[in-house]
Amino acid sequence: PAMALLIPVYKLLGSMGLVNSYLGIIIPRMADV
């Protein structure tokens, strides 16, 4: 489920300093199964 990945993805983006940035919303959606 997408909701199960929401918090891990947010923490990962936060550790990379990409929260509140364009890259933070673009990178998780660059590839979709």
Full PDB file with SEQRES, HELIX, SHEET, SSBOND, CRYST1, ORIGX, SCALE, CONECT and MASTER records, all heavy atoms in Angstrom:
SEQRES   1 A   33  PRO ALA MET ALA LEU LEU ILE PRO VAL TYR LYS LEU LEU          
SEQRES   2 A   33  GLY SER MET GLY LEU VAL ASN SER TYR LEU GLY ILE ILE          
SEQRES   3 A   33  ILE PRO ARG MET ALA ASP VAL                                  
HELIX    1 AA1 ALA A    2  SER A   15  1                                  14    
HELIX    2 AA2 TYR A   22  ILE A   26  1                                   5    
HELIX    3 AA3 ILE A   27  ARG A   29  5                                   3    
CRYST1    1.000    1.000    1.000  90.00  90.00  90.00 P 1           1          
ORIGX1      1.000000  0.000000  0.000000        0.00000                         
ORIGX2      0.000000  1.000000  0.000000        0.00000                         
ORIGX3      0.000000  0.000000  1.000000        0.00000                         
SCALE1      1.000000  0.000000  0.000000        0.00000                         
SCALE2      0.000000  1.000000  0.000000        0.00000                         
SCALE3      0.000000  0.000000  1.000000        0.00000                         
ATOM      1  N   PRO A   1       0.832  -1.216   0.000  1.00  0.00           N  
ATOM      2  CA  PRO A   1       0.000   0.000   0.000  1.00  0.00           C  
ATOM      3  C   PRO A   1       0.858   1.254   0.000  1.00  0.00           C  
ATOM      4  O   PRO A   1       1.918   1.312   0.628  1.00  0.00           O  
ATOM      5  CB  PRO A   1      -0.811  -0.128   1.300  1.00  0.00           C  
ATOM      6  CG  PRO A   1      -0.730  -1.571   1.668  1.00  0.00           C  
ATOM      7  CD  PRO A   1       0.588  -2.068   1.160  1.00  0.00           C  
ATOM      8  N   ALA A   2       0.393   2.255  -0.721  1.00  0.00           N  
ATOM      9  CA  ALA A   2       1.141   3.518  -0.790  1.00  0.00           C  
ATOM     10  C   ALA A   2       1.249   4.183   0.577  1.00  0.00           C  
ATOM     11  O   ALA A   2       2.259   4.822   0.891  1.00  0.00           O  
ATOM     12  CB  ALA A   2       0.473   4.451  -1.793  1.00  0.00           C  
ATOM     13  N   MET A   3       0.226   4.040   1.401  1.00  0.00           N  
ATOM     14  CA  MET A   3       0.256   4.656   2.726  1.00  0.00           C  
ATOM     15  C   MET A   3       1.336   4.034   3.612  1.00  0.00           C  
ATOM     16  O   MET A   3       1.860   4.693   4.509  1.00  0.00           O  
ATOM     17  CB  MET A   3      -1.113   4.513   3.397  1.00  0.00           C  
ATOM     18  CG  MET A   3      -2.237   5.246   2.678  1.00  0.00           C  
ATOM     19  SD  MET A   3      -1.907   7.013   2.496  1.00  0.00           S  
ATOM     20  CE  MET A   3      -1.880   7.495   4.203  1.00  0.00           C  
ATOM     21  N   ALA A   4       1.663   2.770   3.360  1.00  0.00           N  
ATOM     22  CA  ALA A   4       2.707   2.123   4.151  1.00  0.00           C  
ATOM     23  C   ALA A   4       4.080   2.700   3.838  1.00  0.00           C  
ATOM     24  O   ALA A   4       5.005   2.579   4.653  1.00  0.00           O  
ATOM     25  CB  ALA A   4       2.699   0.616   3.905  1.00  0.00           C  
ATOM     26  N   LEU A   5       4.235   3.298   2.652  1.00  0.00           N  
ATOM     27  CA  LEU A   5       5.528   3.869   2.250  1.00  0.00           C  
ATOM     28  C   LEU A   5       5.603   5.366   2.516  1.00  0.00           C  
ATOM     29  O   LEU A   5       6.671   5.960   2.317  1.00  0.00           O  
ATOM     30  CB  LEU A   5       5.751   3.623   0.751  1.00  0.00           C  
ATOM     31  CG  LEU A   5       5.788   2.159   0.307  1.00  0.00           C  
ATOM     32  CD1 LEU A   5       5.905   2.079  -1.213  1.00  0.00           C  
ATOM     33  CD2 LEU A   5       6.938   1.422   0.967  1.00  0.00           C  
ATOM     34  N   LEU A   6       4.507   5.955   2.948  1.00  0.00           N  
ATOM     35  CA  LEU A   6       4.479   7.411   3.099  1.00  0.00           C  
ATOM     36  C   LEU A   6       5.494   7.904   4.122  1.00  0.00           C  
ATOM     37  O   LEU A   6       6.312   8.799   3.837  1.00  0.00           O  
ATOM     38  CB  LEU A   6       3.062   7.853   3.488  1.00  0.00           C  
ATOM     39  CG  LEU A   6       2.825   9.357   3.548  1.00  0.00           C  
ATOM     40  CD1 LEU A   6       3.065   9.989   2.182  1.00  0.00           C  
ATOM     41  CD2 LEU A   6       1.410   9.650   4.024  1.00  0.00           C  
ATOM     42  N   ILE A   7       5.474   7.335   5.323  1.00  0.00           N  
ATOM     43  CA  ILE A   7       6.390   7.784   6.374  1.00  0.00           C  
ATOM     44  C   ILE A   7       7.845   7.443   6.042  1.00  0.00           C  
ATOM     45  O   ILE A   7       8.731   8.306   6.203  1.00  0.00           O  
ATOM     46  CB  ILE A   7       5.966   7.196   7.731  1.00  0.00           C  
ATOM     47  CG1 ILE A   7       4.595   7.753   8.137  1.00  0.00           C  
ATOM     48  CG2 ILE A   7       7.010   7.497   8.803  1.00  0.00           C  
ATOM     49  CD1 ILE A   7       4.055   7.186   9.434  1.00  0.00           C  
ATOM     50  N   PRO A   8       8.170   6.221   5.591  1.00  0.00           N  
ATOM     51  CA  PRO A   8       9.576   5.948   5.237  1.00  0.00           C  
ATOM     52  C   PRO A   8      10.104   6.874   4.138  1.00  0.00           C  
ATOM     53  O   PRO A   8      11.251   7.327   4.212  1.00  0.00           O  
ATOM     54  CB  PRO A   8       9.533   4.492   4.754  1.00  0.00           C  
ATOM     55  CG  PRO A   8       8.360   3.896   5.440  1.00  0.00           C  
ATOM     56  CD  PRO A   8       7.351   4.995   5.512  1.00  0.00           C  
ATOM     57  N   VAL A   9       9.277   7.153   3.135  1.00  0.00           N  
ATOM     58  CA  VAL A   9       9.721   8.054   2.059  1.00  0.00           C  
ATOM     59  C   VAL A   9       9.942   9.457   2.612  1.00  0.00           C  
ATOM     60  O   VAL A   9      10.925  10.135   2.253  1.00  0.00           O  
ATOM     61  CB  VAL A   9       8.698   8.057   0.913  1.00  0.00           C  
ATOM     62  CG1 VAL A   9       9.010   9.162  -0.084  1.00  0.00           C  
ATOM     63  CG2 VAL A   9       8.682   6.708   0.202  1.00  0.00           C  
ATOM     64  N   TYR A  10       9.054   9.899   3.501  1.00  0.00           N  
ATOM     65  CA  TYR A  10       9.208  11.239   4.078  1.00  0.00           C  
ATOM     66  C   TYR A  10      10.493  11.327   4.899  1.00  0.00           C  
ATOM     67  O   TYR A  10      11.234  12.318   4.813  1.00  0.00           O  
ATOM     68  CB  TYR A  10       7.996  11.572   4.940  1.00  0.00           C  
ATOM     69  CG  TYR A  10       8.085  12.925   5.605  1.00  0.00           C  
ATOM     70  CD1 TYR A  10       7.790  14.081   4.900  1.00  0.00           C  
ATOM     71  CD2 TYR A  10       8.491  13.029   6.935  1.00  0.00           C  
ATOM     72  CE1 TYR A  10       7.879  15.323   5.506  1.00  0.00           C  
ATOM     73  CE2 TYR A  10       8.583  14.268   7.554  1.00  0.00           C  
ATOM     74  CZ  TYR A  10       8.278  15.407   6.837  1.00  0.00           C  
ATOM     75  OH  TYR A  10       8.373  16.639   7.441  1.00  0.00           O  
ATOM     76  N   LYS A  11      10.757  10.298   5.700  1.00  0.00           N  
ATOM     77  CA  LYS A  11      11.993  10.308   6.492  1.00  0.00           C  
ATOM     78  C   LYS A  11      13.224  10.285   5.593  1.00  0.00           C  
ATOM     79  O   LYS A  11      14.222  10.961   5.874  1.00  0.00           O  
ATOM     80  CB  LYS A  11      12.003   9.112   7.443  1.00  0.00           C  
ATOM     81  CG  LYS A  11      11.006   9.223   8.585  1.00  0.00           C  
ATOM     82  CD  LYS A  11      11.151   8.058   9.543  1.00  0.00           C  
ATOM     83  CE  LYS A  11      10.229   8.205  10.743  1.00  0.00           C  
ATOM     84  NZ  LYS A  11      10.368   7.074  11.709  1.00  0.00           N  
ATOM     85  N   LEU A  12      13.168   9.512   4.526  1.00  0.00           N  
ATOM     86  CA  LEU A  12      14.300   9.454   3.608  1.00  0.00           C  
ATOM     87  C   LEU A  12      14.540  10.802   2.951  1.00  0.00           C  
ATOM     88  O   LEU A  12      15.683  11.273   2.867  1.00  0.00           O  
ATOM     89  CB  LEU A  12      14.043   8.379   2.543  1.00  0.00           C  
ATOM     90  CG  LEU A  12      15.113   8.220   1.462  1.00  0.00           C  
ATOM     91  CD1 LEU A  12      16.447   7.825   2.075  1.00  0.00           C  
ATOM     92  CD2 LEU A  12      14.671   7.198   0.426  1.00  0.00           C  
ATOM     93  N   LEU A  13      13.469  11.445   2.488  1.00  0.00           N  
ATOM     94  CA  LEU A  13      13.609  12.761   1.868  1.00  0.00           C  
ATOM     95  C   LEU A  13      14.074  13.787   2.892  1.00  0.00           C  
ATOM     96  O   LEU A  13      14.859  14.693   2.567  1.00  0.00           O  
ATOM     97  CB  LEU A  13      12.278  13.197   1.250  1.00  0.00           C  
ATOM     98  CG  LEU A  13      11.783  12.361   0.069  1.00  0.00           C  
ATOM     99  CD1 LEU A  13      10.412  12.824  -0.363  1.00  0.00           C  
ATOM    100  CD2 LEU A  13      12.761  12.448  -1.098  1.00  0.00           C  
ATOM    101  N   GLY A  14      13.601  13.647   4.140  1.00  0.00           N  
ATOM    102  CA  GLY A  14      14.050  14.574   5.172  1.00  0.00           C  
ATOM    103  C   GLY A  14      15.534  14.425   5.462  1.00  0.00           C  
ATOM    104  O   GLY A  14      16.244  15.419   5.672  1.00  0.00           O  
ATOM    105  N   SER A  15      16.037  13.191   5.478  1.00  0.00           N  
ATOM    106  CA  SER A  15      17.476  12.984   5.713  1.00  0.00           C  
ATOM    107  C   SER A  15      18.318  13.506   4.562  1.00  0.00           C  
ATOM    108  O   SER A  15      19.486  13.835   4.748  1.00  0.00           O  
ATOM    109  CB  SER A  15      17.748  11.486   5.911  1.00  0.00           C  
ATOM    110  OG  SER A  15      17.444  10.758   4.726  1.00  0.00           O  
ATOM    111  N   MET A  16      17.715  13.593   3.367  1.00  0.00           N  
ATOM    112  CA  MET A  16      18.434  14.127   2.207  1.00  0.00           C  
ATOM    113  C   MET A  16      18.245  15.626   2.054  1.00  0.00           C  
ATOM    114  O   MET A  16      18.805  16.234   1.139  1.00  0.00           O  
ATOM    115  CB  MET A  16      17.951  13.417   0.939  1.00  0.00           C  
ATOM    116  CG  MET A  16      18.202  11.917   0.931  1.00  0.00           C  
ATOM    117  SD  MET A  16      17.402  11.076  -0.457  1.00  0.00           S  
ATOM    118  CE  MET A  16      18.232  11.840  -1.847  1.00  0.00           C  
ATOM    119  N   GLY A  17      17.434  16.228   2.934  1.00  0.00           N  
ATOM    120  CA  GLY A  17      17.203  17.665   2.871  1.00  0.00           C  
ATOM    121  C   GLY A  17      16.336  18.085   1.695  1.00  0.00           C  
ATOM    122  O   GLY A  17      16.492  19.188   1.164  1.00  0.00           O  
ATOM    123  N   LEU A  18      15.414  17.231   1.291  1.00  0.00           N  
ATOM    124  CA  LEU A  18      14.581  17.516   0.119  1.00  0.00           C  
ATOM    125  C   LEU A  18      13.130  17.822   0.465  1.00  0.00           C  
ATOM    126  O   LEU A  18      12.294  17.914  -0.434  1.00  0.00           O  
ATOM    127  CB  LEU A  18      14.622  16.323  -0.853  1.00  0.00           C  
ATOM    128  CG  LEU A  18      15.997  15.988  -1.427  1.00  0.00           C  
ATOM    129  CD1 LEU A  18      15.896  14.763  -2.328  1.00  0.00           C  
ATOM    130  CD2 LEU A  18      16.550  17.174  -2.203  1.00  0.00           C  
ATOM    131  N   VAL A  19      12.828  17.965   1.773  1.00  0.00           N  
ATOM    132  CA  VAL A  19      11.462  18.306   2.164  1.00  0.00           C  
ATOM    133  C   VAL A  19      11.172  19.741   1.740  1.00  0.00           C  
ATOM    134  O   VAL A  19      12.038  20.622   1.811  1.00  0.00           O  
ATOM    135  CB  VAL A  19      11.265  18.117   3.677  1.00  0.00           C  
ATOM    136  CG1 VAL A  19       9.851  18.522   4.096  1.00  0.00           C  
ATOM    137  CG2 VAL A  19      11.527  16.668   4.055  1.00  0.00           C  
ATOM    138  N   ASN A  20       9.931  20.000   1.298  1.00  0.00           N  
ATOM    139  CA  ASN A  20       9.504  21.322   0.823  1.00  0.00           C  
ATOM    140  C   ASN A  20      10.344  21.794  -0.365  1.00  0.00           C  
ATOM    141  O   ASN A  20      10.728  22.966  -0.455  1.00  0.00           O  
ATOM    142  CB  ASN A  20       9.571  22.360   1.955  1.00  0.00           C  
ATOM    143  CG  ASN A  20       8.578  22.078   3.066  1.00  0.00           C  
ATOM    144  OD1 ASN A  20       7.499  21.546   2.819  1.00  0.00           O  
ATOM    145  ND2 ASN A  20       8.954  22.417   4.285  1.00  0.00           N  
ATOM    146  N   SER A  21      10.619  20.884  -1.266  1.00  0.00           N  
ATOM    147  CA  SER A  21      11.361  21.229  -2.480  1.00  0.00           C  
ATOM    148  C   SER A  21      10.762  20.474  -3.656  1.00  0.00           C  
ATOM    149  O   SER A  21      10.025  19.492  -3.491  1.00  0.00           O  
ATOM    150  CB  SER A  21      12.849  20.878  -2.337  1.00  0.00           C  
ATOM    151  OG  SER A  21      13.016  19.469  -2.244  1.00  0.00           O  
ATOM    152  N   TYR A  22      11.067  20.971  -4.859  1.00  0.00           N  
ATOM    153  CA  TYR A  22      10.561  20.301  -6.059  1.00  0.00           C  
ATOM    154  C   TYR A  22      11.120  18.885  -6.191  1.00  0.00           C  
ATOM    155  O   TYR A  22      10.411  17.959  -6.575  1.00  0.00           O  
ATOM    156  CB  TYR A  22      10.907  21.120  -7.297  1.00  0.00           C  
ATOM    157  CG  TYR A  22      10.065  22.358  -7.468  1.00  0.00           C  
ATOM    158  CD1 TYR A  22      10.641  23.608  -7.604  1.00  0.00           C  
ATOM    159  CD2 TYR A  22       8.674  22.261  -7.497  1.00  0.00           C  
ATOM    160  CE1 TYR A  22       9.860  24.746  -7.772  1.00  0.00           C  
ATOM    161  CE2 TYR A  22       7.884  23.391  -7.653  1.00  0.00           C  
ATOM    162  CZ  TYR A  22       8.487  24.633  -7.790  1.00  0.00           C  
ATOM    163  OH  TYR A  22       7.711  25.749  -7.957  1.00  0.00           O  
ATOM    164  N   LEU A  23      12.398  18.737  -5.870  1.00  0.00           N  
ATOM    165  CA  LEU A  23      12.992  17.406  -5.972  1.00  0.00           C  
ATOM    166  C   LEU A  23      12.337  16.420  -5.012  1.00  0.00           C  
ATOM    167  O   LEU A  23      12.271  15.221  -5.296  1.00  0.00           O  
ATOM    168  CB  LEU A  23      14.502  17.480  -5.698  1.00  0.00           C  
ATOM    169  CG  LEU A  23      15.357  18.184  -6.753  1.00  0.00           C  
ATOM    170  CD1 LEU A  23      16.804  18.231  -6.318  1.00  0.00           C  
ATOM    171  CD2 LEU A  23      15.223  17.484  -8.101  1.00  0.00           C  
ATOM    172  N   GLY A  24      11.846  16.932  -3.887  1.00  0.00           N  
ATOM    173  CA  GLY A  24      11.210  16.052  -2.922  1.00  0.00           C  
ATOM    174  C   GLY A  24       9.922  15.424  -3.422  1.00  0.00           C  
ATOM    175  O   GLY A  24       9.532  14.348  -2.960  1.00  0.00           O  
ATOM    176  N   ILE A  25       9.238  16.085  -4.365  1.00  0.00           N  
ATOM    177  CA  ILE A  25       8.022  15.501  -4.922  1.00  0.00           C  
ATOM    178  C   ILE A  25       8.271  14.851  -6.279  1.00  0.00           C  
ATOM    179  O   ILE A  25       7.483  14.010  -6.719  1.00  0.00           O  
ATOM    180  CB  ILE A  25       6.904  16.557  -5.053  1.00  0.00           C  
ATOM    181  CG1 ILE A  25       7.354  17.705  -5.953  1.00  0.00           C  
ATOM    182  CG2 ILE A  25       6.496  17.062  -3.689  1.00  0.00           C  
ATOM    183  CD1 ILE A  25       6.277  18.741  -6.201  1.00  0.00           C  
ATOM    184  N   ILE A  26       9.376  15.211  -6.925  1.00  0.00           N  
ATOM    185  CA  ILE A  26       9.662  14.665  -8.251  1.00  0.00           C  
ATOM    186  C   ILE A  26      10.360  13.311  -8.152  1.00  0.00           C  
ATOM    187  O   ILE A  26       9.997  12.354  -8.842  1.00  0.00           O  
ATOM    188  CB  ILE A  26      10.507  15.655  -9.069  1.00  0.00           C  
ATOM    189  CG1 ILE A  26       9.681  16.897  -9.398  1.00  0.00           C  
ATOM    190  CG2 ILE A  26      11.019  15.000 -10.349  1.00  0.00           C  
ATOM    191  CD1 ILE A  26      10.481  17.997 -10.072  1.00  0.00           C  
ATOM    192  N   ILE A  27      11.362  13.216  -7.286  1.00  0.00           N  
ATOM    193  CA  ILE A  27      12.167  11.989  -7.213  1.00  0.00           C  
ATOM    194  C   ILE A  27      11.334  10.748  -6.884  1.00  0.00           C  
ATOM    195  O   ILE A  27      11.490   9.713  -7.549  1.00  0.00           O  
ATOM    196  CB  ILE A  27      13.312  12.175  -6.190  1.00  0.00           C  
ATOM    197  CG1 ILE A  27      14.337  13.162  -6.742  1.00  0.00           C  
ATOM    198  CG2 ILE A  27      13.981  10.841  -5.878  1.00  0.00           C  
ATOM    199  CD1 ILE A  27      15.489  13.459  -5.797  1.00  0.00           C  
ATOM    200  N   PRO A  28      10.415  10.784  -5.902  1.00  0.00           N  
ATOM    201  CA  PRO A  28       9.650   9.559  -5.623  1.00  0.00           C  
ATOM    202  C   PRO A  28       8.750   9.116  -6.775  1.00  0.00           C  
ATOM    203  O   PRO A  28       8.324   7.963  -6.811  1.00  0.00           O  
ATOM    204  CB  PRO A  28       8.809   9.944  -4.388  1.00  0.00           C  
ATOM    205  CG  PRO A  28       9.544  11.066  -3.752  1.00  0.00           C  
ATOM    206  CD  PRO A  28      10.139  11.821  -4.893  1.00  0.00           C  
ATOM    207  N   ARG A  29       8.450  10.020  -7.710  1.00  0.00           N  
ATOM    208  CA  ARG A  29       7.543   9.690  -8.794  1.00  0.00           C  
ATOM    209  C   ARG A  29       8.248   9.582 -10.143  1.00  0.00           C  
ATOM    210  O   ARG A  29       7.579   9.453 -11.179  1.00  0.00           O  
ATOM    211  CB  ARG A  29       6.449  10.756  -8.902  1.00  0.00           C  
ATOM    212  CG  ARG A  29       5.611  10.900  -7.660  1.00  0.00           C  
ATOM    213  CD  ARG A  29       4.844   9.641  -7.364  1.00  0.00           C  
ATOM    214  NE  ARG A  29       3.935   9.293  -8.462  1.00  0.00           N  
ATOM    215  CZ  ARG A  29       3.213   8.188  -8.518  1.00  0.00           C  
ATOM    216  NH1 ARG A  29       3.328   7.296  -7.541  1.00  0.00           N  
ATOM    217  NH2 ARG A  29       2.414   7.955  -9.523  1.00  0.00           N  
ATOM    218  N   MET A  30       9.576   9.615 -10.139  1.00  0.00           N  
ATOM    219  CA  MET A  30      10.290   9.520 -11.413  1.00  0.00           C  
ATOM    220  C   MET A  30      10.106   8.159 -12.062  1.00  0.00           C  
ATOM    221  O   MET A  30      10.156   8.035 -13.290  1.00  0.00           O  
ATOM    222  CB  MET A  30      11.784   9.816 -11.212  1.00  0.00           C  
ATOM    223  CG  MET A  30      12.097  11.276 -11.004  1.00  0.00           C  
ATOM    224  SD  MET A  30      13.856  11.649 -11.186  1.00  0.00           S  
ATOM    225  CE  MET A  30      14.584  10.506 -10.032  1.00  0.00           C  
ATOM    226  N   ALA A  31       9.917   7.135 -11.266  1.00  0.00           N  
ATOM    227  CA  ALA A  31       9.686   5.785 -11.790  1.00  0.00           C  
ATOM    228  C   ALA A  31       8.516   5.179 -11.039  1.00  0.00           C  
ATOM    229  O   ALA A  31       8.459   5.233  -9.806  1.00  0.00           O  
ATOM    230  CB  ALA A  31      10.933   4.918 -11.635  1.00  0.00           C  
ATOM    231  N   ASP A  32       7.590   4.600 -11.795  1.00  0.00           N  
ATOM    232  CA  ASP A  32       6.398   4.014 -11.206  1.00  0.00           C  
ATOM    233  C   ASP A  32       6.206   2.613 -11.771  1.00  0.00           C  
ATOM    234  O   ASP A  32       6.261   2.410 -12.990  1.00  0.00           O  
ATOM    235  CB  ASP A  32       5.174   4.879 -11.516  1.00  0.00           C  
ATOM    236  CG  ASP A  32       3.909   4.324 -10.899  1.00  0.00           C  
ATOM    237  OD1 ASP A  32       3.781   4.418  -9.667  1.00  0.00           O  
ATOM    238  OD2 ASP A  32       3.067   3.803 -11.645  1.00  0.00           O  
ATOM    239  N   VAL A  33       5.980   1.652 -10.894  1.00  0.00           N  
ATOM    240  CA  VAL A  33       5.850   0.265 -11.333  1.00  0.00           C  
ATOM    241  C   VAL A  33       4.630   0.087 -12.242  1.00  0.00           C  
ATOM    242  O   VAL A  33       4.685  -0.644 -13.236  1.00  0.00           O  
ATOM    243  CB  VAL A  33       5.750  -0.678 -10.122  1.00  0.00           C  
ATOM    244  CG1 VAL A  33       5.558  -2.110 -10.580  1.00  0.00           C  
ATOM    245  CG2 VAL A  33       6.991  -0.562  -9.252  1.00  0.00           C  
TER     246      VAL A  33                                                      
MASTER        0    0    0    3    0    0    0    6  245    1    0    3          
END                                                                             
